[in-house]
Amino acid sequence: MMRPLLLAFVPLLAACAEFPEVDAGARTNLPTPSLLPTDQLIAGTDQTNPPDPLAGPVSALQARATALRALDSTR
């Protein structure tokens, strides 16, 4: 009866132990990002959108369609 209780207690003790090597590696001097208010996060403002990978081909196709329409209207 005591063995299962002891096996459950040992990992709890290990979780409370201090590990200086791990703590030293976790400390970095990186700048922390600025936090946004919840309203801005929900609204999606103040965030940069990634560039659209299809923007170039779409504009080229639209230019070609415009040129073909102009060619067709002259006939």
PDB file of N, CA and C in Angstrom:
ATOM      1  N   MET A   1       0.818  -1.192   0.000  1.00  0.00           N
ATOM      2  CA  MET A   1       0.000   0.000   0.000  1.00  0.00           C
ATOM      3  C   MET A   1       0.864   1.259   0.000  1.00  0.00           C
ATOM      4  N   MET A   2       1.972   1.226   0.664  1.00  0.00           N
ATOM      5  CA  MET A   2       2.841   2.386   0.760  1.00  0.00           C
ATOM      6  C   MET A   2       3.664   2.592  -0.513  1.00  0.00           C
ATOM      7  N   ARG A   3       3.946   1.509  -1.228  1.00  0.00           N
ATOM      8  CA  ARG A   3       4.788   1.619  -2.418  1.00  0.00           C
ATOM      9  C   ARG A   3       4.145   2.519  -3.486  1.00  0.00           C
ATOM     10  N   PRO A   4       2.859   2.376  -3.841  1.00  0.00           N
ATOM     11  CA  PRO A   4       2.274   3.289  -4.834  1.00  0.00           C
ATOM     12  C   PRO A   4       2.264   4.739  -4.364  1.00  0.00           C
ATOM     13  N   LEU A   5       2.038   4.933  -3.088  1.00  0.00           N
ATOM     14  CA  LEU A   5       2.051   6.281  -2.547  1.00  0.00           C
ATOM     15  C   LEU A   5       3.451   6.881  -2.632  1.00  0.00           C
ATOM     16  N   LEU A   6       4.459   6.084  -2.331  1.00  0.00           N
ATOM     17  CA  LEU A   6       5.844   6.543  -2.419  1.00  0.00           C
ATOM     18  C   LEU A   6       6.230   6.820  -3.865  1.00  0.00           C
ATOM     19  N   LEU A   7       5.788   5.989  -4.802  1.00  0.00           N
ATOM     20  CA  LEU A   7       6.100   6.203  -6.222  1.00  0.00           C
ATOM     21  C   LEU A   7       5.424   7.453  -6.765  1.00  0.00           C
ATOM     22  N   ALA A   8       4.311   7.845  -6.206  1.00  0.00           N
ATOM     23  CA  ALA A   8       3.647   9.075  -6.630  1.00  0.00           C
ATOM     24  C   ALA A   8       4.286  10.288  -5.973  1.00  0.00           C
ATOM     25  N   PHE A   9       4.903  10.118  -4.815  1.00  0.00           N
ATOM     26  CA  PHE A   9       5.483  11.232  -4.073  1.00  0.00           C
ATOM     27  C   PHE A   9       6.861  11.637  -4.601  1.00  0.00           C
ATOM     28  N   VAL A  10       7.627  10.694  -5.117  1.00  0.00           N
ATOM     29  CA  VAL A  10       8.993  10.969  -5.595  1.00  0.00           C
ATOM     30  C   VAL A  10       9.001  11.944  -6.772  1.00  0.00           C
ATOM     31  N   PRO A  11       8.149  11.806  -7.788  1.00  0.00           N
ATOM     32  CA  PRO A  11       8.167  12.806  -8.871  1.00  0.00           C
ATOM     33  C   PRO A  11       7.767  14.201  -8.385  1.00  0.00           C
ATOM     34  N   LEU A  12       6.932  14.287  -7.387  1.00  0.00           N
ATOM     35  CA  LEU A  12       6.576  15.591  -6.841  1.00  0.00           C
ATOM     36  C   LEU A  12       7.777  16.258  -6.192  1.00  0.00           C
ATOM     37  N   LEU A  13       8.599  15.495  -5.520  1.00  0.00           N
ATOM     38  CA  LEU A  13       9.811  16.049  -4.927  1.00  0.00           C
ATOM     39  C   LEU A  13      10.786  16.507  -6.006  1.00  0.00           C
ATOM     40  N   ALA A  14      10.891  15.745  -7.080  1.00  0.00           N
ATOM     41  CA  ALA A  14      11.795  16.120  -8.170  1.00  0.00           C
ATOM     42  C   ALA A  14      11.311  17.383  -8.868  1.00  0.00           C
ATOM     43  N   ALA A  15      10.016  17.585  -8.931  1.00  0.00           N
ATOM     44  CA  ALA A  15       9.481  18.790  -9.567  1.00  0.00           C
ATOM     45  C   ALA A  15       9.774  20.026  -8.739  1.00  0.00           C
ATOM     46  N   CYS A  16       9.920  19.866  -7.458  1.00  0.00           N
ATOM     47  CA  CYS A  16      10.205  21.005  -6.583  1.00  0.00           C
ATOM     48  C   CYS A  16      11.704  21.268  -6.435  1.00  0.00           C
ATOM     49  N   ALA A  17      12.532  20.386  -6.935  1.00  0.00           N
ATOM     50  CA  ALA A  17      13.979  20.543  -6.777  1.00  0.00           C
ATOM     51  C   ALA A  17      14.487  21.659  -7.675  1.00  0.00           C
ATOM     52  N   GLU A  18      15.597  22.257  -7.257  1.00  0.00           N
ATOM     53  CA  GLU A  18      16.224  23.311  -8.042  1.00  0.00           C
ATOM     54  C   GLU A  18      17.333  22.712  -8.908  1.00  0.00           C
ATOM     55  N   PHE A  19      17.393  23.162 -10.146  1.00  0.00           N
ATOM     56  CA  PHE A  19      18.417  22.726 -11.068  1.00  0.00           C
ATOM     57  C   PHE A  19      19.123  23.970 -11.597  1.00  0.00           C
ATOM     58  N   PRO A  20      20.251  24.360 -11.007  1.00  0.00           N
ATOM     59  CA  PRO A  20      20.909  25.612 -11.382  1.00  0.00           C
ATOM     60  C   PRO A  20      21.384  25.632 -12.836  1.00  0.00           C
ATOM     61  N   GLU A  21      21.777  24.500 -13.377  1.00  0.00           N
ATOM     62  CA  GLU A  21      22.241  24.472 -14.768  1.00  0.00           C
ATOM     63  C   GLU A  21      21.109  24.824 -15.724  1.00  0.00           C
ATOM     64  N   VAL A  22      19.935  24.312 -15.444  1.00  0.00           N
ATOM     65  CA  VAL A  22      18.772  24.593 -16.292  1.00  0.00           C
ATOM     66  C   VAL A  22      18.350  26.046 -16.132  1.00  0.00           C
ATOM     67  N   ASP A  23      18.352  26.531 -14.902  1.00  0.00           N
ATOM     68  CA  ASP A  23      17.961  27.920 -14.655  1.00  0.00           C
ATOM     69  C   ASP A  23      18.932  28.890 -15.322  1.00  0.00           C
ATOM     70  N   ALA A  24      20.221  28.578 -15.319  1.00  0.00           N
ATOM     71  CA  ALA A  24      21.210  29.463 -15.931  1.00  0.00           C
ATOM     72  C   ALA A  24      21.036  29.497 -17.440  1.00  0.00           C
ATOM     73  N   GLY A  25      20.667  28.376 -18.041  1.00  0.00           N
ATOM     74  CA  GLY A  25      20.463  28.342 -19.488  1.00  0.00           C
ATOM     75  C   GLY A  25      19.189  29.032 -19.912  1.00  0.00           C
ATOM     76  N   ALA A  26      18.229  29.125 -19.016  1.00  0.00           N
ATOM     77  CA  ALA A  26      16.950  29.736 -19.354  1.00  0.00           C
ATOM     78  C   ALA A  26      17.003  31.254 -19.289  1.00  0.00           C
ATOM     79  N   ARG A  27      17.981  31.814 -18.627  1.00  0.00           N
ATOM     80  CA  ARG A  27      18.076  33.268 -18.500  1.00  0.00           C
ATOM     81  C   ARG A  27      18.740  33.843 -19.744  1.00  0.00           C
ATOM     82  N   THR A  28      18.022  34.644 -20.456  1.00  0.00           N
ATOM     83  CA  THR A  28      18.565  35.303 -21.639  1.00  0.00           C
ATOM     84  C   THR A  28      18.308  36.793 -21.524  1.00  0.00           C
ATOM     85  N   ASN A  29      19.071  37.556 -22.240  1.00  0.00           N
ATOM     86  CA  ASN A  29      18.907  39.006 -22.226  1.00  0.00           C
ATOM     87  C   ASN A  29      18.182  39.494 -23.478  1.00  0.00           C
ATOM     88  N   LEU A  30      17.266  38.698 -23.982  1.00  0.00           N
ATOM     89  CA  LEU A  30      16.517  39.082 -25.172  1.00  0.00           C
ATOM     90  C   LEU A  30      15.465  40.119 -24.803  1.00  0.00           C
ATOM     91  N   PRO A  31      15.208  41.063 -25.713  1.00  0.00           N
ATOM     92  CA  PRO A  31      14.161  42.046 -25.406  1.00  0.00           C
ATOM     93  C   PRO A  31      12.790  41.383 -25.434  1.00  0.00           C
ATOM     94  N   THR A  32      11.953  41.779 -24.516  1.00  0.00           N
ATOM     95  CA  THR A  32      10.612  41.214 -24.476  1.00  0.00           C
ATOM     96  C   THR A  32       9.712  41.999 -25.424  1.00  0.00           C
ATOM     97  N   PRO A  33       8.837  41.323 -26.136  1.00  0.00           N
ATOM     98  CA  PRO A  33       7.948  42.036 -27.057  1.00  0.00           C
ATOM     99  C   PRO A  33       6.920  42.846 -26.291  1.00  0.00           C
ATOM    100  N   SER A  34       6.481  43.913 -26.911  1.00  0.00           N
ATOM    101  CA  SER A  34       5.446  44.710 -26.258  1.00  0.00           C
ATOM    102  C   SER A  34       4.112  43.977 -26.376  1.00  0.00           C
ATOM    103  N   LEU A  35       3.345  44.052 -25.328  1.00  0.00           N
ATOM    104  CA  LEU A  35       2.064  43.360 -25.286  1.00  0.00           C
ATOM    105  C   LEU A  35       0.961  44.274 -25.790  1.00  0.00           C
ATOM    106  N   LEU A  36       0.009  43.689 -26.486  1.00  0.00           N
ATOM    107  CA  LEU A  36      -1.121  44.445 -26.998  1.00  0.00           C
ATOM    108  C   LEU A  36      -2.318  44.286 -26.079  1.00  0.00           C
ATOM    109  N   PRO A  37      -3.134  45.309 -25.980  1.00  0.00           N
ATOM    110  CA  PRO A  37      -4.375  45.152 -25.209  1.00  0.00           C
ATOM    111  C   PRO A  37      -5.290  44.123 -25.868  1.00  0.00           C
ATOM    112  N   THR A  38      -6.142  43.524 -25.076  1.00  0.00           N
ATOM    113  CA  THR A  38      -7.031  42.478 -25.573  1.00  0.00           C
ATOM    114  C   THR A  38      -7.929  42.984 -26.697  1.00  0.00           C
ATOM    115  N   ASP A  39      -8.389  44.228 -26.608  1.00  0.00           N
ATOM    116  CA  ASP A  39      -9.265  44.766 -27.651  1.00  0.00           C
ATOM    117  C   ASP A  39      -8.546  44.794 -29.003  1.00  0.00           C
ATOM    118  N   GLN A  40      -7.273  45.168 -28.998  1.00  0.00           N
ATOM    119  CA  GLN A  40      -6.519  45.195 -30.261  1.00  0.00           C
ATOM    120  C   GLN A  40      -6.272  43.791 -30.774  1.00  0.00           C
ATOM    121  N   LEU A  41      -6.044  42.846 -29.884  1.00  0.00           N
ATOM    122  CA  LEU A  41      -5.837  41.467 -30.326  1.00  0.00           C
ATOM    123  C   LEU A  41      -7.089  40.904 -30.972  1.00  0.00           C
ATOM    124  N   ILE A  42      -8.257  41.192 -30.365  1.00  0.00           N
ATOM    125  CA  ILE A  42      -9.514  40.685 -30.920  1.00  0.00           C
ATOM    126  C   ILE A  42      -9.816  41.351 -32.260  1.00  0.00           C
ATOM    127  N   ALA A  43      -9.573  42.667 -32.339  1.00  0.00           N
ATOM    128  CA  ALA A  43      -9.858  43.397 -33.572  1.00  0.00           C
ATOM    129  C   ALA A  43      -8.836  43.088 -34.657  1.00  0.00           C
ATOM    130  N   GLY A  44      -7.670  42.599 -34.268  1.00  0.00           N
ATOM    131  CA  GLY A  44      -6.645  42.279 -35.252  1.00  0.00           C
ATOM    132  C   GLY A  44      -5.902  43.494 -35.746  1.00  0.00           C
ATOM    133  N   THR A  45      -5.935  44.598 -35.024  1.00  0.00           N
ATOM    134  CA  THR A  45      -5.224  45.797 -35.446  1.00  0.00           C
ATOM    135  C   THR A  45      -3.797  45.752 -34.926  1.00  0.00           C
ATOM    136  N   ASP A  46      -2.963  46.592 -35.482  1.00  0.00           N
ATOM    137  CA  ASP A  46      -1.560  46.722 -35.092  1.00  0.00           C
ATOM    138  C   ASP A  46      -0.791  45.423 -35.323  1.00  0.00           C
ATOM    139  N   GLN A  47      -1.171  44.701 -36.349  1.00  0.00           N
ATOM    140  CA  GLN A  47      -0.468  43.486 -36.702  1.00  0.00           C
ATOM    141  C   GLN A  47      -0.137  43.553 -38.186  1.00  0.00           C
ATOM    142  N   THR A  48       1.044  43.145 -38.521  1.00  0.00           N
ATOM    143  CA  THR A  48       1.438  43.161 -39.927  1.00  0.00           C
ATOM    144  C   THR A  48       0.957  41.877 -40.589  1.00  0.00           C
ATOM    145  N   ASN A  49       0.397  42.015 -41.772  1.00  0.00           N
ATOM    146  CA  ASN A  49      -0.066  40.862 -42.524  1.00  0.00           C
ATOM    147  C   ASN A  49       1.075  40.349 -43.388  1.00  0.00           C
ATOM    148  N   PRO A  50       1.194  39.041 -43.529  1.00  0.00           N
ATOM    149  CA  PRO A  50       2.235  38.512 -44.397  1.00  0.00           C
ATOM    150  C   PRO A  50       1.919  38.854 -45.850  1.00  0.00           C
ATOM    151  N   PRO A  51       2.941  39.008 -46.680  1.00  0.00           N
ATOM    152  CA  PRO A  51       2.680  39.343 -48.082  1.00  0.00           C
ATOM    153  C   PRO A  51       1.938  38.210 -48.786  1.00  0.00           C
ATOM    154  N   ASP A  52       1.051  38.591 -49.689  1.00  0.00           N
ATOM    155  CA  ASP A  52       0.271  37.613 -50.431  1.00  0.00           C
ATOM    156  C   ASP A  52       1.163  36.987 -51.505  1.00  0.00           C
ATOM    157  N   PRO A  53       1.369  35.679 -51.480  1.00  0.00           N
ATOM    158  CA  PRO A  53       2.247  35.058 -52.476  1.00  0.00           C
ATOM    159  C   PRO A  53       1.656  35.070 -53.881  1.00  0.00           C
ATOM    160  N   LEU A  54       0.351  35.273 -54.007  1.00  0.00           N
ATOM    161  CA  LEU A  54      -0.285  35.271 -55.326  1.00  0.00           C
ATOM    162  C   LEU A  54      -0.507  36.674 -55.874  1.00  0.00           C
ATOM    163  N   ALA A  55      -0.050  37.711 -55.182  1.00  0.00           N
ATOM    164  CA  ALA A  55      -0.307  39.081 -55.619  1.00  0.00           C
ATOM    165  C   ALA A  55       0.327  39.362 -56.978  1.00  0.00           C
ATOM    166  N   GLY A  56       1.538  38.902 -57.196  1.00  0.00           N
ATOM    167  CA  GLY A  56       2.214  39.136 -58.473  1.00  0.00           C
ATOM    168  C   GLY A  56       1.520  38.458 -59.638  1.00  0.00           C
ATOM    169  N   PRO A  57       1.268  37.148 -59.563  1.00  0.00           N
ATOM    170  CA  PRO A  57       0.569  36.477 -60.661  1.00  0.00           C
ATOM    171  C   PRO A  57      -0.838  37.021 -60.906  1.00  0.00           C
ATOM    172  N   VAL A  58      -1.545  37.389 -59.848  1.00  0.00           N
ATOM    173  CA  VAL A  58      -2.902  37.917 -60.017  1.00  0.00           C
ATOM    174  C   VAL A  58      -2.861  39.236 -60.765  1.00  0.00           C
ATOM    175  N   SER A  59      -1.943  40.127 -60.402  1.00  0.00           N
ATOM    176  CA  SER A  59      -1.867  41.410 -61.105  1.00  0.00           C
ATOM    177  C   SER A  59      -1.426  41.219 -62.553  1.00  0.00           C
ATOM    178  N   ALA A  60      -0.559  40.257 -62.818  1.00  0.00           N
ATOM    179  CA  ALA A  60      -0.155  39.985 -64.198  1.00  0.00           C
ATOM    180  C   ALA A  60      -1.343  39.471 -65.017  1.00  0.00           C
ATOM    181  N   LEU A  61      -2.157  38.597 -64.419  1.00  0.00           N
ATOM    182  CA  LEU A  61      -3.336  38.086 -65.134  1.00  0.00           C
ATOM    183  C   LEU A  61      -4.376  39.180 -65.361  1.00  0.00           C
ATOM    184  N   GLN A  62      -4.524  40.072 -64.371  1.00  0.00           N
ATOM    185  CA  GLN A  62      -5.463  41.163 -64.553  1.00  0.00           C
ATOM    186  C   GLN A  62      -4.992  42.111 -65.659  1.00  0.00           C
ATOM    187  N   ALA A  63      -3.705  42.370 -65.752  1.00  0.00           N
ATOM    188  CA  ALA A  63      -3.175  43.220 -66.819  1.00  0.00           C
ATOM    189  C   ALA A  63      -3.369  42.555 -68.171  1.00  0.00           C
ATOM    190  N   ARG A  64      -3.162  41.246 -68.228  1.00  0.00           N
ATOM    191  CA  ARG A  64      -3.357  40.528 -69.492  1.00  0.00           C
ATOM    192  C   ARG A  64      -4.825  40.541 -69.905  1.00  0.00           C
ATOM    193  N   ALA A  65      -5.730  40.376 -68.929  1.00  0.00           N
ATOM    194  CA  ALA A  65      -7.163  40.411 -69.233  1.00  0.00           C
ATOM    195  C   ALA A  65      -7.571  41.786 -69.732  1.00  0.00           C
ATOM    196  N   THR A  66      -7.025  42.837 -69.145  1.00  0.00           N
ATOM    197  CA  THR A  66      -7.329  44.199 -69.590  1.00  0.00           C
ATOM    198  C   THR A  66      -6.831  44.417 -71.013  1.00  0.00           C
ATOM    199  N   ALA A  67      -5.622  43.904 -71.305  1.00  0.00           N
ATOM    200  CA  ALA A  67      -5.068  44.047 -72.657  1.00  0.00           C
ATOM    201  C   ALA A  67      -5.908  43.281 -73.668  1.00  0.00           C
ATOM    202  N   LEU A  68      -6.379  42.078 -73.303  1.00  0.00           N
ATOM    203  CA  LEU A  68      -7.204  41.306 -74.219  1.00  0.00           C
ATOM    204  C   LEU A  68      -8.562  41.961 -74.444  1.00  0.00           C
ATOM    205  N   ARG A  69      -9.128  42.562 -73.407  1.00  0.00           N
ATOM    206  CA  ARG A  69     -10.388  43.280 -73.582  1.00  0.00           C
ATOM    207  C   ARG A  69     -10.218  44.473 -74.509  1.00  0.00           C
ATOM    208  N   ALA A  70      -9.098  45.175 -74.340  1.00  0.00           N
ATOM    209  CA  ALA A  70      -8.833  46.327 -75.205  1.00  0.00           C
ATOM    210  C   ALA A  70      -8.626  45.869 -76.649  1.00  0.00           C
ATOM    211  N   LEU A  71      -7.967  44.764 -76.849  1.00  0.00           N
ATOM    212  CA  LEU A  71      -7.747  44.223 -78.184  1.00  0.00           C
ATOM    213  C   LEU A  71      -9.071  43.774 -78.815  1.00  0.00           C
ATOM    214  N   ASP A  72      -9.930  43.156 -78.012  1.00  0.00           N
ATOM    215  CA  ASP A  72     -11.206  42.677 -78.505  1.00  0.00           C
ATOM    216  C   ASP A  72     -12.146  43.844 -78.851  1.00  0.00           C
ATOM    217  N   SER A  73     -12.075  44.913 -78.098  1.00  0.00           N
ATOM    218  CA  SER A  73     -12.973  46.052 -78.362  1.00  0.00           C
ATOM    219  C   SER A  73     -12.570  46.805 -79.621  1.00  0.00           C
ATOM    220  N   THR A  74     -11.347  46.686 -80.066  1.00  0.00           N
ATOM    221  CA  THR A  74     -10.930  47.384 -81.307  1.00  0.00           C
ATOM    222  C   THR A  74     -11.337  46.612 -82.548  1.00  0.00           C
ATOM    223  N   ARG A  75     -11.696  45.391 -82.400  1.00  0.00           N
ATOM    224  CA  ARG A  75     -12.074  44.584 -83.578  1.00  0.00           C
ATOM    225  C   ARG A  75     -13.497  44.777 -83.939  1.00  0.00           C
TER     226      ARG A  75
END
